[in-house]
Amino acid sequence: MQLASSLDIREKAKPSRRVWVPKFEKTEKRPLGIPIISCRAKQSLVKMALEPGWEAKFEPWF
């Protein structure tokens, strides 16, 4: 509940958690950015707000 009440979509996103993953059959590694839980919650909140309007706009009329 504390996270839900503290969500503010206007503030800048926090840096992702950076994990280095080995490349397939190579010794090199590539960066993988994992968003923190508050950023994922904000993305979900915005998606839930915008999606119904876009679905209604692009849904075929029968």
PDB file of N, CA and C in Angstrom:
ATOM      1  N   MET A   1       0.823  -1.183   0.000  1.00  0.00           N
ATOM      2  CA  MET A   1       0.000   0.000   0.000  1.00  0.00           C
ATOM      3  C   MET A   1       0.872   1.254   0.000  1.00  0.00           C
ATOM      4  N   GLN A   2       2.006   1.183   0.667  1.00  0.00           N
ATOM      5  CA  GLN A   2       2.897   2.343   0.721  1.00  0.00           C
ATOM      6  C   GLN A   2       3.421   2.672  -0.677  1.00  0.00           C
ATOM      7  N   LEU A   3       3.782   1.645  -1.458  1.00  0.00           N
ATOM      8  CA  LEU A   3       4.258   1.871  -2.824  1.00  0.00           C
ATOM      9  C   LEU A   3       3.140   2.461  -3.682  1.00  0.00           C
ATOM     10  N   ALA A   4       1.938   1.936  -3.568  1.00  0.00           N
ATOM     11  CA  ALA A   4       0.819   2.424  -4.377  1.00  0.00           C
ATOM     12  C   ALA A   4       0.503   3.881  -4.075  1.00  0.00           C
ATOM     13  N   SER A   5       0.582   4.275  -2.826  1.00  0.00           N
ATOM     14  CA  SER A   5       0.258   5.659  -2.478  1.00  0.00           C
ATOM     15  C   SER A   5       1.389   6.622  -2.840  1.00  0.00           C
ATOM     16  N   SER A   6       2.597   6.114  -3.037  1.00  0.00           N
ATOM     17  CA  SER A   6       3.727   6.993  -3.340  1.00  0.00           C
ATOM     18  C   SER A   6       4.017   7.120  -4.829  1.00  0.00           C
ATOM     19  N   LEU A   7       3.229   6.479  -5.698  1.00  0.00           N
ATOM     20  CA  LEU A   7       3.480   6.540  -7.133  1.00  0.00           C
ATOM     21  C   LEU A   7       3.196   7.932  -7.671  1.00  0.00           C
ATOM     22  N   ASP A   8       4.141   8.452  -8.429  1.00  0.00           N
ATOM     23  CA  ASP A   8       3.985   9.737  -9.086  1.00  0.00           C
ATOM     24  C   ASP A   8       4.578   9.592 -10.479  1.00  0.00           C
ATOM     25  N   ILE A   9       3.726   9.606 -11.512  1.00  0.00           N
ATOM     26  CA  ILE A   9       4.210   9.340 -12.868  1.00  0.00           C
ATOM     27  C   ILE A   9       4.974  10.513 -13.455  1.00  0.00           C
ATOM     28  N   ARG A  10       4.952  11.662 -12.797  1.00  0.00           N
ATOM     29  CA  ARG A  10       5.657  12.826 -13.330  1.00  0.00           C
ATOM     30  C   ARG A  10       7.142  12.848 -12.970  1.00  0.00           C
ATOM     31  N   GLU A  11       7.545  12.111 -11.950  1.00  0.00           N
ATOM     32  CA  GLU A  11       8.964  12.136 -11.582  1.00  0.00           C
ATOM     33  C   GLU A  11       9.780  11.258 -12.522  1.00  0.00           C
ATOM     34  N   LYS A  12      11.051  11.555 -12.631  1.00  0.00           N
ATOM     35  CA  LYS A  12      11.949  10.844 -13.536  1.00  0.00           C
ATOM     36  C   LYS A  12      12.180   9.416 -13.040  1.00  0.00           C
ATOM     37  N   ALA A  13      12.319   8.494 -13.982  1.00  0.00           N
ATOM     38  CA  ALA A  13      12.549   7.092 -13.636  1.00  0.00           C
ATOM     39  C   ALA A  13      13.906   6.917 -12.971  1.00  0.00           C
ATOM     40  N   LYS A  14      13.960   6.005 -12.043  1.00  0.00           N
ATOM     41  CA  LYS A  14      15.218   5.707 -11.358  1.00  0.00           C
ATOM     42  C   LYS A  14      16.054   4.775 -12.231  1.00  0.00           C
ATOM     43  N   PRO A  15      17.362   4.750 -12.028  1.00  0.00           N
ATOM     44  CA  PRO A  15      18.205   3.877 -12.844  1.00  0.00           C
ATOM     45  C   PRO A  15      17.848   2.403 -12.649  1.00  0.00           C
ATOM     46  N   SER A  16      18.003   1.679 -13.714  1.00  0.00           N
ATOM     47  CA  SER A  16      17.719   0.247 -13.665  1.00  0.00           C
ATOM     48  C   SER A  16      18.816  -0.487 -12.929  1.00  0.00           C
ATOM     49  N   ARG A  17      18.476  -1.662 -12.467  1.00  0.00           N
ATOM     50  CA  ARG A  17      19.505  -2.536 -11.901  1.00  0.00           C
ATOM     51  C   ARG A  17      20.241  -3.146 -13.086  1.00  0.00           C
ATOM     52  N   ARG A  18      21.549  -3.010 -13.114  1.00  0.00           N
ATOM     53  CA  ARG A  18      22.355  -3.466 -14.241  1.00  0.00           C
ATOM     54  C   ARG A  18      22.983  -4.811 -13.893  1.00  0.00           C
ATOM     55  N   VAL A  19      22.701  -5.816 -14.725  1.00  0.00           N
ATOM     56  CA  VAL A  19      23.262  -7.153 -14.554  1.00  0.00           C
ATOM     57  C   VAL A  19      24.028  -7.484 -15.824  1.00  0.00           C
ATOM     58  N   TRP A  20      25.210  -8.046 -15.679  1.00  0.00           N
ATOM     59  CA  TRP A  20      26.014  -8.423 -16.838  1.00  0.00           C
ATOM     60  C   TRP A  20      25.804  -9.902 -17.117  1.00  0.00           C
ATOM     61  N   VAL A  21      25.317 -10.216 -18.326  1.00  0.00           N
ATOM     62  CA  VAL A  21      24.975 -11.575 -18.722  1.00  0.00           C
ATOM     63  C   VAL A  21      25.978 -12.039 -19.768  1.00  0.00           C
ATOM     64  N   PRO A  22      26.507 -13.257 -19.626  1.00  0.00           N
ATOM     65  CA  PRO A  22      27.458 -13.733 -20.638  1.00  0.00           C
ATOM     66  C   PRO A  22      26.764 -13.971 -21.980  1.00  0.00           C
ATOM     67  N   LYS A  23      27.474 -13.637 -23.072  1.00  0.00           N
ATOM     68  CA  LYS A  23      26.953 -13.881 -24.409  1.00  0.00           C
ATOM     69  C   LYS A  23      27.049 -15.369 -24.730  1.00  0.00           C
ATOM     70  N   PHE A  24      26.197 -15.810 -25.616  1.00  0.00           N
ATOM     71  CA  PHE A  24      26.151 -17.219 -25.987  1.00  0.00           C
ATOM     72  C   PHE A  24      27.441 -17.634 -26.688  1.00  0.00           C
ATOM     73  N   GLU A  25      28.103 -18.617 -26.146  1.00  0.00           N
ATOM     74  CA  GLU A  25      29.341 -19.201 -26.683  1.00  0.00           C
ATOM     75  C   GLU A  25      30.464 -18.191 -26.853  1.00  0.00           C
ATOM     76  N   LYS A  26      30.519 -17.149 -26.014  1.00  0.00           N
ATOM     77  CA  LYS A  26      31.594 -16.174 -26.055  1.00  0.00           C
ATOM     78  C   LYS A  26      32.006 -15.837 -24.628  1.00  0.00           C
ATOM     79  N   THR A  27      33.182 -15.251 -24.511  1.00  0.00           N
ATOM     80  CA  THR A  27      33.650 -14.850 -23.189  1.00  0.00           C
ATOM     81  C   THR A  27      33.168 -13.454 -22.819  1.00  0.00           C
ATOM     82  N   GLU A  28      32.616 -12.720 -23.780  1.00  0.00           N
ATOM     83  CA  GLU A  28      32.139 -11.361 -23.522  1.00  0.00           C
ATOM     84  C   GLU A  28      30.834 -11.387 -22.734  1.00  0.00           C
ATOM     85  N   LYS A  29      30.538 -10.252 -22.130  1.00  0.00           N
ATOM     86  CA  LYS A  29      29.277 -10.113 -21.408  1.00  0.00           C
ATOM     87  C   LYS A  29      28.526  -8.911 -21.951  1.00  0.00           C
ATOM     88  N   ARG A  30      27.194  -8.941 -21.853  1.00  0.00           N
ATOM     89  CA  ARG A  30      26.371  -7.831 -22.310  1.00  0.00           C
ATOM     90  C   ARG A  30      25.547  -7.307 -21.137  1.00  0.00           C
ATOM     91  N   PRO A  31      25.232  -6.017 -21.144  1.00  0.00           N
ATOM     92  CA  PRO A  31      24.457  -5.456 -20.044  1.00  0.00           C
ATOM     93  C   PRO A  31      22.966  -5.758 -20.198  1.00  0.00           C
ATOM     94  N   LEU A  32      22.329  -6.023 -19.087  1.00  0.00           N
ATOM     95  CA  LEU A  32      20.889  -6.242 -19.053  1.00  0.00           C
ATOM     96  C   LEU A  32      20.323  -5.330 -17.979  1.00  0.00           C
ATOM     97  N   GLY A  33      19.460  -4.414 -18.370  1.00  0.00           N
ATOM     98  CA  GLY A  33      18.865  -3.472 -17.424  1.00  0.00           C
ATOM     99  C   GLY A  33      17.534  -3.994 -16.919  1.00  0.00           C
ATOM    100  N   ILE A  34      17.384  -4.124 -15.624  1.00  0.00           N
ATOM    101  CA  ILE A  34      16.149  -4.600 -15.014  1.00  0.00           C
ATOM    102  C   ILE A  34      15.526  -3.434 -14.261  1.00  0.00           C
ATOM    103  N   PRO A  35      14.313  -2.979 -14.667  1.00  0.00           N
ATOM    104  CA  PRO A  35      13.703  -1.848 -13.979  1.00  0.00           C
ATOM    105  C   PRO A  35      13.332  -2.200 -12.538  1.00  0.00           C
ATOM    106  N   ILE A  36      13.443  -1.232 -11.652  1.00  0.00           N
ATOM    107  CA  ILE A  36      13.092  -1.479 -10.259  1.00  0.00           C
ATOM    108  C   ILE A  36      11.572  -1.529 -10.139  1.00  0.00           C
ATOM    109  N   ILE A  37      11.079  -2.074  -9.041  1.00  0.00           N
ATOM    110  CA  ILE A  37       9.650  -2.364  -8.895  1.00  0.00           C
ATOM    111  C   ILE A  37       8.788  -1.111  -8.986  1.00  0.00           C
ATOM    112  N   SER A  38       9.264   0.021  -8.499  1.00  0.00           N
ATOM    113  CA  SER A  38       8.434   1.228  -8.573  1.00  0.00           C
ATOM    114  C   SER A  38       8.265   1.695 -10.011  1.00  0.00           C
ATOM    115  N   CYS A  39       9.298   1.554 -10.841  1.00  0.00           N
ATOM    116  CA  CYS A  39       9.180   1.927 -12.250  1.00  0.00           C
ATOM    117  C   CYS A  39       8.236   0.983 -12.977  1.00  0.00           C
ATOM    118  N   ARG A  40       8.293  -0.300 -12.658  1.00  0.00           N
ATOM    119  CA  ARG A  40       7.376  -1.255 -13.270  1.00  0.00           C
ATOM    120  C   ARG A  40       5.943  -0.968 -12.860  1.00  0.00           C
ATOM    121  N   ALA A  41       5.724  -0.556 -11.619  1.00  0.00           N
ATOM    122  CA  ALA A  41       4.384  -0.216 -11.158  1.00  0.00           C
ATOM    123  C   ALA A  41       3.860   1.022 -11.883  1.00  0.00           C
ATOM    124  N   LYS A  42       4.717   2.013 -12.108  1.00  0.00           N
ATOM    125  CA  LYS A  42       4.316   3.215 -12.843  1.00  0.00           C
ATOM    126  C   LYS A  42       3.951   2.880 -14.286  1.00  0.00           C
ATOM    127  N   GLN A  43       4.754   2.028 -14.923  1.00  0.00           N
ATOM    128  CA  GLN A  43       4.463   1.623 -16.294  1.00  0.00           C
ATOM    129  C   GLN A  43       3.113   0.920 -16.370  1.00  0.00           C
ATOM    130  N   SER A  44       2.844   0.067 -15.420  1.00  0.00           N
ATOM    131  CA  SER A  44       1.572  -0.650 -15.388  1.00  0.00           C
ATOM    132  C   SER A  44       0.404   0.301 -15.163  1.00  0.00           C
ATOM    133  N   LEU A  45       0.583   1.283 -14.304  1.00  0.00           N
ATOM    134  CA  LEU A  45      -0.455   2.270 -14.032  1.00  0.00           C
ATOM    135  C   LEU A  45      -0.800   3.075 -15.282  1.00  0.00           C
ATOM    136  N   VAL A  46       0.212   3.530 -16.004  1.00  0.00           N
ATOM    137  CA  VAL A  46      -0.011   4.295 -17.227  1.00  0.00           C
ATOM    138  C   VAL A  46      -0.658   3.416 -18.294  1.00  0.00           C
ATOM    139  N   LYS A  47      -0.221   2.162 -18.393  1.00  0.00           N
ATOM    140  CA  LYS A  47      -0.794   1.236 -19.372  1.00  0.00           C
ATOM    141  C   LYS A  47      -2.276   1.002 -19.092  1.00  0.00           C
ATOM    142  N   MET A  48      -2.625   0.804 -17.825  1.00  0.00           N
ATOM    143  CA  MET A  48      -4.029   0.575 -17.477  1.00  0.00           C
ATOM    144  C   MET A  48      -4.886   1.804 -17.762  1.00  0.00           C
ATOM    145  N   ALA A  49      -4.300   2.985 -17.693  1.00  0.00           N
ATOM    146  CA  ALA A  49      -5.052   4.205 -17.965  1.00  0.00           C
ATOM    147  C   ALA A  49      -5.243   4.428 -19.464  1.00  0.00           C
ATOM    148  N   LEU A  50      -4.236   4.104 -20.277  1.00  0.00           N
ATOM    149  CA  LEU A  50      -4.283   4.395 -21.709  1.00  0.00           C
ATOM    150  C   LEU A  50      -4.893   3.279 -22.557  1.00  0.00           C
ATOM    151  N   GLU A  51      -4.747   2.043 -22.135  1.00  0.00           N
ATOM    152  CA  GLU A  51      -5.135   0.912 -22.966  1.00  0.00           C
ATOM    153  C   GLU A  51      -6.621   0.870 -23.338  1.00  0.00           C
ATOM    154  N   PRO A  52      -7.565   1.125 -22.451  1.00  0.00           N
ATOM    155  CA  PRO A  52      -8.977   1.043 -22.841  1.00  0.00           C
ATOM    156  C   PRO A  52      -9.348   1.993 -23.980  1.00  0.00           C
ATOM    157  N   GLY A  53      -8.807   3.186 -23.969  1.00  0.00           N
ATOM    158  CA  GLY A  53      -9.092   4.126 -25.044  1.00  0.00           C
ATOM    159  C   GLY A  53      -8.567   3.662 -26.382  1.00  0.00           C
ATOM    160  N   TRP A  54      -7.354   3.114 -26.384  1.00  0.00           N
ATOM    161  CA  TRP A  54      -6.769   2.638 -27.637  1.00  0.00           C
ATOM    162  C   TRP A  54      -7.458   1.378 -28.125  1.00  0.00           C
ATOM    163  N   GLU A  55      -7.883   0.507 -27.213  1.00  0.00           N
ATOM    164  CA  GLU A  55      -8.620  -0.684 -27.630  1.00  0.00           C
ATOM    165  C   GLU A  55      -9.937  -0.294 -28.272  1.00  0.00           C
ATOM    166  N   ALA A  56     -10.636   0.677 -27.703  1.00  0.00           N
ATOM    167  CA  ALA A  56     -11.908   1.122 -28.265  1.00  0.00           C
ATOM    168  C   ALA A  56     -11.699   1.759 -29.633  1.00  0.00           C
ATOM    169  N   LYS A  57     -10.591   2.438 -29.812  1.00  0.00           N
ATOM    170  CA  LYS A  57     -10.325   3.125 -31.076  1.00  0.00           C
ATOM    171  C   LYS A  57     -10.006   2.132 -32.199  1.00  0.00           C
ATOM    172  N   PHE A  58      -9.275   1.070 -31.903  1.00  0.00           N
ATOM    173  CA  PHE A  58      -8.822   0.153 -32.946  1.00  0.00           C
ATOM    174  C   PHE A  58      -9.599  -1.153 -32.999  1.00  0.00           C
ATOM    175  N   GLU A  59     -10.572  -1.348 -32.130  1.00  0.00           N
ATOM    176  CA  GLU A  59     -11.392  -2.563 -32.155  1.00  0.00           C
ATOM    177  C   GLU A  59     -12.306  -2.505 -33.384  1.00  0.00           C
ATOM    178  N   PRO A  60     -12.364  -3.587 -34.165  1.00  0.00           N
ATOM    179  CA  PRO A  60     -13.234  -3.553 -35.360  1.00  0.00           C
ATOM    180  C   PRO A  60     -14.712  -3.493 -34.960  1.00  0.00           C
ATOM    181  N   TRP A  61     -15.488  -2.783 -35.756  1.00  0.00           N
ATOM    182  CA  TRP A  61     -16.936  -2.674 -35.513  1.00  0.00           C
ATOM    183  C   TRP A  61     -17.638  -3.838 -36.159  1.00  0.00           C
ATOM    184  N   PHE A  62     -18.491  -4.473 -35.421  1.00  0.00           N
ATOM    185  CA  PHE A  62     -19.258  -5.600 -35.951  1.00  0.00           C
ATOM    186  C   PHE A  62     -20.705  -5.264 -36.052  1.00  0.00           C
TER     187      PHE A  62
END
